[in-house]
Protein backbone atom coordinates (compact mmCIF):
# COMPACT_ATOMS: atom_id res chain seq x y z
CA MET A 1 136.26 80.68 206.85
CA GLU A 2 137.58 82.10 203.57
CA ARG A 3 138.24 78.60 202.26
CA PHE A 4 134.68 77.52 203.13
CA ILE A 5 133.17 80.54 201.33
CA GLU A 6 135.30 79.93 198.24
CA ASN A 7 134.44 76.21 198.15
CA THR A 8 130.74 77.01 198.59
CA MET A 9 130.81 79.57 195.79
CA TYR A 10 132.67 77.16 193.52
CA ALA A 11 130.25 74.32 194.29
CA SER A 12 127.26 76.60 193.65
CA ARG A 13 128.00 76.42 189.93
CA TRP A 14 126.09 73.13 190.03
CA LEU A 15 122.92 75.14 190.57
CA LEU A 16 123.16 75.93 186.85
CA ALA A 17 122.92 72.25 185.87
CA PRO A 18 119.12 72.02 186.33
CA ILE A 19 118.75 75.19 184.28
CA TYR A 20 120.60 73.57 181.37
CA VAL A 21 118.44 70.44 181.77
CA GLY A 22 115.43 72.78 181.65
CA LEU A 23 116.73 74.15 178.35
CA SER A 24 116.73 70.60 176.99
CA LEU A 25 113.04 70.38 177.98
CA GLY A 26 112.51 73.66 176.13
CA LEU A 27 114.18 72.06 173.11
CA LEU A 28 111.77 69.14 173.38
CA ALA A 29 108.82 71.56 173.48
CA LEU A 30 110.19 73.36 170.42
CA ALA A 31 110.57 70.05 168.55
CA LEU A 32 106.99 69.11 169.38
CA LYS A 33 105.76 72.49 168.11
CA PHE A 34 107.90 72.11 164.96
CA PHE A 35 106.38 68.75 164.07
CA GLN A 36 102.89 69.92 165.00
CA GLU A 37 103.33 72.65 162.37
CA VAL A 38 104.74 70.17 159.82
CA PHE A 39 101.83 67.76 160.35
CA HIS A 40 99.41 70.67 160.02
CA VAL A 41 100.94 71.83 156.72
CA ILE A 42 101.45 68.52 154.89
CA PRO A 43 97.75 67.70 154.32
CA ASN A 44 97.05 71.27 153.19
CA VAL A 45 100.13 71.87 151.06
CA PHE A 46 98.30 71.70 147.72
CA ALA A 47 95.54 74.04 148.90
CA MET A 48 97.95 76.67 150.26
CA ALA A 49 99.07 79.71 148.35
CA GLU A 50 102.79 79.88 147.64
CA ALA A 51 103.25 82.92 149.90
CA ASP A 52 101.51 81.13 152.79
CA LEU A 53 103.73 78.09 152.34
CA ILE A 54 106.82 80.30 152.35
CA LEU A 55 105.62 81.92 155.58
CA VAL A 56 105.22 78.51 157.20
CA LEU A 57 108.64 77.41 155.98
CA LEU A 58 110.20 80.59 157.38
CA SER A 59 108.56 79.77 160.72
CA LEU A 60 110.10 76.30 160.58
CA ILE A 61 113.51 77.78 159.79
CA ASP A 62 113.03 80.17 162.69
CA MET A 63 112.33 77.24 165.01
CA ALA A 64 115.38 75.35 163.73
CA LEU A 65 117.61 78.37 164.41
CA VAL A 66 116.18 78.76 167.92
CA GLY A 67 116.76 75.03 168.49
CA GLY A 68 120.38 75.34 167.42
CA LEU A 69 120.78 78.33 169.71
CA LEU A 70 119.32 76.33 172.61
CA VAL A 71 121.73 73.45 172.00
CA MET A 72 124.70 75.81 171.77
CA VAL A 73 123.81 77.66 174.97
CA MET A 74 122.90 74.48 176.81
CA ILE A 75 126.02 72.47 175.99
CA SER A 76 128.68 75.16 175.92
CA GLY A 77 127.16 76.92 178.94
CA TYR A 78 127.27 73.67 180.92
CA GLU A 79 130.82 73.00 179.81
CA ASN A 80 132.02 76.56 180.51
CA PHE A 81 130.32 77.12 183.83
CA VAL A 82 129.56 73.73 185.41
CA SER A 83 131.71 70.81 184.29
CA GLN A 84 133.45 69.45 181.23
CA LEU A 85 131.49 66.86 179.31
CA ASP A 86 133.01 63.38 179.38
CA ILE A 87 132.23 61.96 175.96
CA ASP A 88 133.64 58.61 174.91
CA GLU A 89 136.12 58.73 172.05
CA SER A 90 133.97 56.20 170.19
CA LYS A 91 131.00 58.60 170.14
CA GLU A 92 130.51 61.44 167.70
CA LYS A 93 131.64 64.76 169.14
CA LEU A 94 130.55 68.23 168.03
CA SER A 95 133.47 70.09 166.44
CA TRP A 96 133.03 73.19 168.62
CA LEU A 97 132.75 71.25 171.88
CA GLY A 98 135.43 72.36 174.32
CA THR A 99 136.55 75.25 172.14
CA MET A 100 133.84 77.81 172.83
CA ASP A 101 134.54 80.13 175.74
CA SER A 102 131.95 82.53 177.16
CA THR A 103 133.01 85.33 174.78
CA SER A 104 132.66 83.05 171.74
CA LEU A 105 129.32 81.88 173.07
CA LYS A 106 128.09 85.47 173.39
CA MET A 107 129.15 86.18 169.81
CA LYS A 108 127.41 83.05 168.52
CA VAL A 109 124.26 83.96 170.46
CA ALA A 110 124.35 87.50 169.05
CA ALA A 111 124.80 86.18 165.50
CA SER A 112 121.98 83.69 166.03
CA ILE A 113 119.68 86.41 167.33
CA VAL A 114 120.41 88.51 164.24
CA ALA A 115 119.70 85.49 162.00
CA ILE A 116 116.46 84.72 163.83
CA SER A 117 115.45 88.37 163.68
CA SER A 118 116.23 88.43 159.95
CA ILE A 119 114.00 85.42 159.31
CA HIS A 120 111.24 86.99 161.39
CA LEU A 121 111.60 90.29 159.54
CA LEU A 122 111.45 88.50 156.20
CA ARG A 123 108.30 86.76 157.36
CA VAL A 124 106.80 90.14 158.30
CA PHE A 125 107.79 91.62 154.92
CA MET A 126 106.17 88.68 153.12
CA ASP A 127 102.93 89.63 154.86
CA ALA A 128 103.53 93.41 154.78
CA LYS A 129 100.13 94.21 153.28
CA ASN A 130 98.54 92.98 156.54
CA VAL A 131 100.96 94.82 158.85
CA ASP A 132 100.46 98.36 160.06
CA PRO A 133 103.30 100.60 158.70
CA VAL A 134 104.12 101.79 162.23
CA HIS A 135 104.56 98.19 163.37
CA LEU A 136 106.65 97.46 160.29
CA GLN A 137 108.87 100.41 161.14
CA TRP A 138 109.33 99.10 164.69
CA TYR A 139 110.22 95.62 163.39
CA VAL A 140 112.98 97.17 161.28
CA ILE A 141 114.22 99.36 164.16
CA ILE A 142 114.35 96.39 166.52
CA HIS A 143 116.15 94.27 163.92
CA MET A 144 118.68 97.02 163.25
CA THR A 145 119.24 97.32 167.01
CA PHE A 146 120.15 93.62 167.08
CA VAL A 147 122.47 94.05 164.09
CA VAL A 148 124.23 97.10 165.57
CA SER A 149 124.52 95.40 168.96
CA ALA A 150 126.07 92.27 167.45
CA PHE A 151 128.46 94.38 165.38
CA ALA A 152 129.44 96.44 168.45
CA MET A 153 130.02 93.28 170.50
CA GLY A 154 132.24 91.86 167.76
CA TYR A 155 134.15 95.10 167.40
CA LEU A 156 134.71 95.40 171.15
CA ASP A 157 135.82 91.77 171.29
CA LYS A 158 138.31 92.44 168.52
CA LEU A 159 139.63 95.51 170.36
CA THR A 160 140.12 93.61 173.62
CA LYS A 161 141.98 90.74 171.93
CA HIS A 162 144.67 93.09 170.57
């Protein structure tokens, strides 16, 4: 009975595989939104104010960072929790593939969230004249919460490795 339960629990890791496939569909949706924004901006680029163009570009950077985060979580999560990827030696392989454990993944996710939050905060600051000061204060507080959380996670990770 114990053996059956253990084998069932171990096999249940495959329930995560469709979730990681779903993340790839999310990545497709993000790419479509990215190019929708690019195709919207290109014809209007000469009519746009510089600040508006910078805001759009920051949005595109934001989407690129989220896309990278999705790829990282999708691939390393699959490899850590479901099955190792079998990639032919002749194909290009990501340098971090097979080297990122769940702790490294958490740190990369935390750093990515801080970077995404930073870009978002910069976007808000670029448009600060149209943002209520109370909302602006909350944006900063939330961003600092992400920064402190990422720092604390890194510090705790460093403590546990020694």
